[in-house]
Amino acid sequence: MAFNQLFAMDPFSITAGVVGIVAPTLPCVRLLIKDLQNIADAPDAVKALTKDFQSVDLALASVPVSESC
């Protein structure tokens, strides 16, 4: 069997996979960002982690996902 036959995915499967990952992940990341920002006197490590999650949030939000799924 050829390599491209083993790993070929139709566009619908790819889209369904992306939606299946992004849809539940985005609200969780946003909730975590909110919680981390509410921590008073957070150490530098937590502040850096918050910035990392904000980057993840931006990346996930840029993926077009239909809310009607």
PDB file of N, CA and C in Angstrom:
ATOM      1  N   MET A   1       0.851  -1.171   0.000  1.00  0.00           N
ATOM      2  CA  MET A   1       0.000   0.000   0.000  1.00  0.00           C
ATOM      3  C   MET A   1       0.900   1.239   0.000  1.00  0.00           C
ATOM      4  N   ALA A   2       0.564   2.215  -0.773  1.00  0.00           N
ATOM      5  CA  ALA A   2       1.374   3.422  -0.901  1.00  0.00           C
ATOM      6  C   ALA A   2       1.213   4.313   0.329  1.00  0.00           C
ATOM      7  N   PHE A   3       2.241   5.114   0.584  1.00  0.00           N
ATOM      8  CA  PHE A   3       2.252   6.015   1.735  1.00  0.00           C
ATOM      9  C   PHE A   3       1.052   6.949   1.714  1.00  0.00           C
ATOM     10  N   ASN A   4       0.758   7.542   0.556  1.00  0.00           N
ATOM     11  CA  ASN A   4      -0.343   8.507   0.489  1.00  0.00           C
ATOM     12  C   ASN A   4      -1.703   7.842   0.704  1.00  0.00           C
ATOM     13  N   GLN A   5      -1.814   6.540   0.466  1.00  0.00           N
ATOM     14  CA  GLN A   5      -3.070   5.850   0.729  1.00  0.00           C
ATOM     15  C   GLN A   5      -3.239   5.572   2.222  1.00  0.00           C
ATOM     16  N   LEU A   6      -2.133   5.360   2.920  1.00  0.00           N
ATOM     17  CA  LEU A   6      -2.204   5.091   4.350  1.00  0.00           C
ATOM     18  C   LEU A   6      -2.595   6.314   5.158  1.00  0.00           C
ATOM     19  N   PHE A   7      -2.119   7.479   4.752  1.00  0.00           N
ATOM     20  CA  PHE A   7      -2.308   8.688   5.549  1.00  0.00           C
ATOM     21  C   PHE A   7      -3.211   9.719   4.880  1.00  0.00           C
ATOM     22  N   ALA A   8      -3.955   9.326   3.879  1.00  0.00           N
ATOM     23  CA  ALA A   8      -4.843  10.256   3.193  1.00  0.00           C
ATOM     24  C   ALA A   8      -6.111  10.456   4.019  1.00  0.00           C
ATOM     25  N   MET A   9      -6.479  11.710   4.196  1.00  0.00           N
ATOM     26  CA  MET A   9      -7.723  12.037   4.901  1.00  0.00           C
ATOM     27  C   MET A   9      -8.536  12.964   4.017  1.00  0.00           C
ATOM     28  N   ASP A  10      -9.815  12.731   3.990  1.00  0.00           N
ATOM     29  CA  ASP A  10     -10.668  13.612   3.217  1.00  0.00           C
ATOM     30  C   ASP A  10     -10.848  14.932   3.976  1.00  0.00           C
ATOM     31  N   PRO A  11     -11.178  16.006   3.281  1.00  0.00           N
ATOM     32  CA  PRO A  11     -11.317  17.326   3.930  1.00  0.00           C
ATOM     33  C   PRO A  11     -12.346  17.339   5.066  1.00  0.00           C
ATOM     34  N   PHE A  12     -13.405  16.575   4.936  1.00  0.00           N
ATOM     35  CA  PHE A  12     -14.412  16.546   5.990  1.00  0.00           C
ATOM     36  C   PHE A  12     -13.836  15.971   7.284  1.00  0.00           C
ATOM     37  N   SER A  13     -13.048  14.908   7.171  1.00  0.00           N
ATOM     38  CA  SER A  13     -12.440  14.299   8.356  1.00  0.00           C
ATOM     39  C   SER A  13     -11.472  15.250   9.032  1.00  0.00           C
ATOM     40  N   ILE A  14     -10.704  15.974   8.247  1.00  0.00           N
ATOM     41  CA  ILE A  14      -9.764  16.944   8.797  1.00  0.00           C
ATOM     42  C   ILE A  14     -10.525  18.044   9.532  1.00  0.00           C
ATOM     43  N   THR A  15     -11.567  18.558   8.892  1.00  0.00           N
ATOM     44  CA  THR A  15     -12.372  19.624   9.498  1.00  0.00           C
ATOM     45  C   THR A  15     -13.039  19.132  10.783  1.00  0.00           C
ATOM     46  N   ALA A  16     -13.582  17.933  10.743  1.00  0.00           N
ATOM     47  CA  ALA A  16     -14.234  17.380  11.936  1.00  0.00           C
ATOM     48  C   ALA A  16     -13.227  17.202  13.068  1.00  0.00           C
ATOM     49  N   GLY A  17     -12.025  16.799  12.734  1.00  0.00           N
ATOM     50  CA  GLY A  17     -10.987  16.644  13.751  1.00  0.00           C
ATOM     51  C   GLY A  17     -10.608  17.965  14.379  1.00  0.00           C
ATOM     52  N   VAL A  18     -10.455  18.989  13.556  1.00  0.00           N
ATOM     53  CA  VAL A  18     -10.091  20.317  14.065  1.00  0.00           C
ATOM     54  C   VAL A  18     -11.213  20.862  14.945  1.00  0.00           C
ATOM     55  N   VAL A  19     -12.437  20.750  14.479  1.00  0.00           N
ATOM     56  CA  VAL A  19     -13.583  21.243  15.266  1.00  0.00           C
ATOM     57  C   VAL A  19     -13.684  20.469  16.580  1.00  0.00           C
ATOM     58  N   GLY A  20     -13.443  19.182  16.531  1.00  0.00           N
ATOM     59  CA  GLY A  20     -13.523  18.356  17.729  1.00  0.00           C
ATOM     60  C   GLY A  20     -12.487  18.723  18.776  1.00  0.00           C
ATOM     61  N   ILE A  21     -11.375  19.284  18.347  1.00  0.00           N
ATOM     62  CA  ILE A  21     -10.330  19.701  19.283  1.00  0.00           C
ATOM     63  C   ILE A  21     -10.528  21.146  19.725  1.00  0.00           C
ATOM     64  N   VAL A  22     -10.788  22.029  18.770  1.00  0.00           N
ATOM     65  CA  VAL A  22     -10.854  23.463  19.071  1.00  0.00           C
ATOM     66  C   VAL A  22     -12.105  23.832  19.860  1.00  0.00           C
ATOM     67  N   ALA A  23     -13.243  23.290  19.496  1.00  0.00           N
ATOM     68  CA  ALA A  23     -14.502  23.693  20.127  1.00  0.00           C
ATOM     69  C   ALA A  23     -14.489  23.528  21.646  1.00  0.00           C
ATOM     70  N   PRO A  24     -14.084  22.388  22.199  1.00  0.00           N
ATOM     71  CA  PRO A  24     -14.074  22.293  23.663  1.00  0.00           C
ATOM     72  C   PRO A  24     -12.846  22.933  24.318  1.00  0.00           C
ATOM     73  N   THR A  25     -11.772  23.093  23.554  1.00  0.00           N
ATOM     74  CA  THR A  25     -10.532  23.615  24.132  1.00  0.00           C
ATOM     75  C   THR A  25     -10.589  25.118  24.352  1.00  0.00           C
ATOM     76  N   LEU A  26     -11.163  25.848  23.432  1.00  0.00           N
ATOM     77  CA  LEU A  26     -11.176  27.305  23.499  1.00  0.00           C
ATOM     78  C   LEU A  26     -11.830  27.838  24.773  1.00  0.00           C
ATOM     79  N   PRO A  27     -13.018  27.396  25.159  1.00  0.00           N
ATOM     80  CA  PRO A  27     -13.600  27.911  26.408  1.00  0.00           C
ATOM     81  C   PRO A  27     -12.764  27.554  27.642  1.00  0.00           C
ATOM     82  N   CYS A  28     -12.157  26.379  27.634  1.00  0.00           N
ATOM     83  CA  CYS A  28     -11.320  25.977  28.775  1.00  0.00           C
ATOM     84  C   CYS A  28     -10.098  26.873  28.904  1.00  0.00           C
ATOM     85  N   VAL A  29      -9.469  27.176  27.782  1.00  0.00           N
ATOM     86  CA  VAL A  29      -8.287  28.039  27.805  1.00  0.00           C
ATOM     87  C   VAL A  29      -8.679  29.436  28.278  1.00  0.00           C
ATOM     88  N   ARG A  30      -9.798  29.938  27.808  1.00  0.00           N
ATOM     89  CA  ARG A  30     -10.240  31.272  28.223  1.00  0.00           C
ATOM     90  C   ARG A  30     -10.568  31.320  29.709  1.00  0.00           C
ATOM     91  N   LEU A  31     -11.171  30.275  30.241  1.00  0.00           N
ATOM     92  CA  LEU A  31     -11.463  30.219  31.666  1.00  0.00           C
ATOM     93  C   LEU A  31     -10.173  30.174  32.476  1.00  0.00           C
ATOM     94  N   LEU A  32      -9.215  29.413  32.011  1.00  0.00           N
ATOM     95  CA  LEU A  32      -7.927  29.339  32.701  1.00  0.00           C
ATOM     96  C   LEU A  32      -7.212  30.684  32.682  1.00  0.00           C
ATOM     97  N   ILE A  33      -7.265  31.387  31.563  1.00  0.00           N
ATOM     98  CA  ILE A  33      -6.655  32.723  31.477  1.00  0.00           C
ATOM     99  C   ILE A  33      -7.307  33.654  32.505  1.00  0.00           C
ATOM    100  N   LYS A  34      -8.631  33.614  32.578  1.00  0.00           N
ATOM    101  CA  LYS A  34      -9.351  34.480  33.523  1.00  0.00           C
ATOM    102  C   LYS A  34      -8.938  34.168  34.955  1.00  0.00           C
ATOM    103  N   ASP A  35      -8.854  32.885  35.285  1.00  0.00           N
ATOM    104  CA  ASP A  35      -8.455  32.495  36.641  1.00  0.00           C
ATOM    105  C   ASP A  35      -7.039  32.939  36.957  1.00  0.00           C
ATOM    106  N   LEU A  36      -6.125  32.765  36.017  1.00  0.00           N
ATOM    107  CA  LEU A  36      -4.733  33.157  36.248  1.00  0.00           C
ATOM    108  C   LEU A  36      -4.601  34.671  36.402  1.00  0.00           C
ATOM    109  N   GLN A  37      -5.396  35.431  35.660  1.00  0.00           N
ATOM    110  CA  GLN A  37      -5.333  36.883  35.768  1.00  0.00           C
ATOM    111  C   GLN A  37      -5.901  37.371  37.096  1.00  0.00           C
ATOM    112  N   ASN A  38      -6.761  36.574  37.719  1.00  0.00           N
ATOM    113  CA  ASN A  38      -7.373  36.976  38.987  1.00  0.00           C
ATOM    114  C   ASN A  38      -6.499  36.661  40.198  1.00  0.00           C
ATOM    115  N   ILE A  39      -5.423  35.949  39.995  1.00  0.00           N
ATOM    116  CA  ILE A  39      -4.540  35.629  41.110  1.00  0.00           C
ATOM    117  C   ILE A  39      -3.769  36.888  41.503  1.00  0.00           C
ATOM    118  N   ALA A  40      -3.946  37.322  42.740  1.00  0.00           N
ATOM    119  CA  ALA A  40      -3.259  38.523  43.209  1.00  0.00           C
ATOM    120  C   ALA A  40      -1.804  38.200  43.518  1.00  0.00           C
ATOM    121  N   ASP A  41      -0.916  39.123  43.193  1.00  0.00           N
ATOM    122  CA  ASP A  41       0.512  38.985  43.445  1.00  0.00           C
ATOM    123  C   ASP A  41       1.077  37.684  42.870  1.00  0.00           C
ATOM    124  N   ALA A  42       0.674  37.371  41.650  1.00  0.00           N
ATOM    125  CA  ALA A  42       1.156  36.151  41.004  1.00  0.00           C
ATOM    126  C   ALA A  42       2.650  36.261  40.720  1.00  0.00           C
ATOM    127  N   PRO A  43       3.385  35.183  40.953  1.00  0.00           N
ATOM    128  CA  PRO A  43       4.813  35.211  40.637  1.00  0.00           C
ATOM    129  C   PRO A  43       5.035  35.317  39.131  1.00  0.00           C
ATOM    130  N   ASP A  44       6.242  35.627  38.768  1.00  0.00           N
ATOM    131  CA  ASP A  44       6.569  35.819  37.352  1.00  0.00           C
ATOM    132  C   ASP A  44       6.262  34.585  36.507  1.00  0.00           C
ATOM    133  N   ALA A  45       6.428  33.400  37.067  1.00  0.00           N
ATOM    134  CA  ALA A  45       6.174  32.174  36.315  1.00  0.00           C
ATOM    135  C   ALA A  45       4.701  32.063  35.917  1.00  0.00           C
ATOM    136  N   VAL A  46       3.818  32.433  36.827  1.00  0.00           N
ATOM    137  CA  VAL A  46       2.389  32.374  36.533  1.00  0.00           C
ATOM    138  C   VAL A  46       2.031  33.442  35.499  1.00  0.00           C
ATOM    139  N   LYS A  47       2.639  34.610  35.618  1.00  0.00           N
ATOM    140  CA  LYS A  47       2.377  35.662  34.635  1.00  0.00           C
ATOM    141  C   LYS A  47       2.847  35.234  33.250  1.00  0.00           C
ATOM    142  N   ALA A  48       3.994  34.561  33.182  1.00  0.00           N
ATOM    143  CA  ALA A  48       4.497  34.069  31.898  1.00  0.00           C
ATOM    144  C   ALA A  48       3.566  32.987  31.350  1.00  0.00           C
ATOM    145  N   LEU A  49       3.067  32.122  32.232  1.00  0.00           N
ATOM    146  CA  LEU A  49       2.135  31.076  31.815  1.00  0.00           C
ATOM    147  C   LEU A  49       0.847  31.684  31.273  1.00  0.00           C
ATOM    148  N   THR A  50       0.393  32.755  31.906  1.00  0.00           N
ATOM    149  CA  THR A  50      -0.804  33.445  31.429  1.00  0.00           C
ATOM    150  C   THR A  50      -0.597  33.958  30.016  1.00  0.00           C
ATOM    151  N   LYS A  51       0.559  34.541  29.748  1.00  0.00           N
ATOM    152  CA  LYS A  51       0.848  35.036  28.399  1.00  0.00           C
ATOM    153  C   LYS A  51       0.886  33.891  27.395  1.00  0.00           C
ATOM    154  N   ASP A  52       1.431  32.744  27.804  1.00  0.00           N
ATOM    155  CA  ASP A  52       1.466  31.578  26.912  1.00  0.00           C
ATOM    156  C   ASP A  52       0.055  31.114  26.571  1.00  0.00           C
ATOM    157  N   PHE A  53      -0.824  31.059  27.576  1.00  0.00           N
ATOM    158  CA  PHE A  53      -2.194  30.648  27.313  1.00  0.00           C
ATOM    159  C   PHE A  53      -2.941  31.670  26.468  1.00  0.00           C
ATOM    160  N   GLN A  54      -2.609  32.936  26.611  1.00  0.00           N
ATOM    161  CA  GLN A  54      -3.221  33.950  25.757  1.00  0.00           C
ATOM    162  C   GLN A  54      -2.821  33.727  24.304  1.00  0.00           C
ATOM    163  N   SER A  55      -1.594  33.307  24.090  1.00  0.00           N
ATOM    164  CA  SER A  55      -1.144  32.992  22.733  1.00  0.00           C
ATOM    165  C   SER A  55      -1.896  31.794  22.171  1.00  0.00           C
ATOM    166  N   VAL A  56      -2.109  30.790  23.013  1.00  0.00           N
ATOM    167  CA  VAL A  56      -2.874  29.613  22.586  1.00  0.00           C
ATOM    168  C   VAL A  56      -4.300  30.021  22.261  1.00  0.00           C
ATOM    169  N   ASP A  57      -4.868  30.895  23.088  1.00  0.00           N
ATOM    170  CA  ASP A  57      -6.223  31.378  22.864  1.00  0.00           C
ATOM    171  C   ASP A  57      -6.337  32.081  21.519  1.00  0.00           C
ATOM    172  N   LEU A  58      -5.380  32.936  21.202  1.00  0.00           N
ATOM    173  CA  LEU A  58      -5.399  33.630  19.915  1.00  0.00           C
ATOM    174  C   LEU A  58      -5.299  32.648  18.750  1.00  0.00           C
ATOM    175  N   ALA A  59      -4.440  31.648  18.899  1.00  0.00           N
ATOM    176  CA  ALA A  59      -4.276  30.660  17.835  1.00  0.00           C
ATOM    177  C   ALA A  59      -5.560  29.857  17.630  1.00  0.00           C
ATOM    178  N   LEU A  60      -6.174  29.425  18.730  1.00  0.00           N
ATOM    179  CA  LEU A  60      -7.412  28.651  18.611  1.00  0.00           C
ATOM    180  C   LEU A  60      -8.558  29.506  18.091  1.00  0.00           C
ATOM    181  N   ALA A  61      -8.607  30.753  18.517  1.00  0.00           N
ATOM    182  CA  ALA A  61      -9.689  31.638  18.066  1.00  0.00           C
ATOM    183  C   ALA A  61      -9.566  31.957  16.578  1.00  0.00           C
ATOM    184  N   SER A  62      -8.380  31.844  16.030  1.00  0.00           N
ATOM    185  CA  SER A  62      -8.218  32.141  14.604  1.00  0.00           C
ATOM    186  C   SER A  62      -8.700  30.996  13.708  1.00  0.00           C
ATOM    187  N   VAL A  63      -8.977  29.833  14.293  1.00  0.00           N
ATOM    188  CA  VAL A  63      -9.480  28.702  13.523  1.00  0.00           C
ATOM    189  C   VAL A  63     -10.975  28.875  13.372  1.00  0.00           C
ATOM    190  N   PRO A  64     -11.468  28.965  12.135  1.00  0.00           N
ATOM    191  CA  PRO A  64     -12.905  29.168  11.954  1.00  0.00           C
ATOM    192  C   PRO A  64     -13.681  27.913  12.341  1.00  0.00           C
ATOM    193  N   VAL A  65     -14.575  28.062  13.318  1.00  0.00           N
ATOM    194  CA  VAL A  65     -15.389  26.953  13.801  1.00  0.00           C
ATOM    195  C   VAL A  65     -16.833  27.402  13.833  1.00  0.00           C
ATOM    196  N   SER A  66     -17.698  26.589  13.291  1.00  0.00           N
ATOM    197  CA  SER A  66     -19.125  26.886  13.313  1.00  0.00           C
ATOM    198  C   SER A  66     -19.660  26.589  14.704  1.00  0.00           C
ATOM    199  N   GLU A  67     -20.406  27.504  15.277  1.00  0.00           N
ATOM    200  CA  GLU A  67     -20.973  27.331  16.611  1.00  0.00           C
ATOM    201  C   GLU A  67     -22.179  26.383  16.589  1.00  0.00           C
ATOM    202  N   SER A  68     -22.687  26.043  15.415  1.00  0.00           N
ATOM    203  CA  SER A  68     -23.879  25.205  15.327  1.00  0.00           C
ATOM    204  C   SER A  68     -23.581  23.726  15.306  1.00  0.00           C
ATOM    205  N   CYS A  69     -22.319  23.343  15.523  1.00  0.00           N
ATOM    206  CA  CYS A  69     -21.938  21.921  15.460  1.00  0.00           C
ATOM    207  C   CYS A  69     -22.471  21.149  16.631  1.00  0.00           C
TER     208      CYS A  69
END
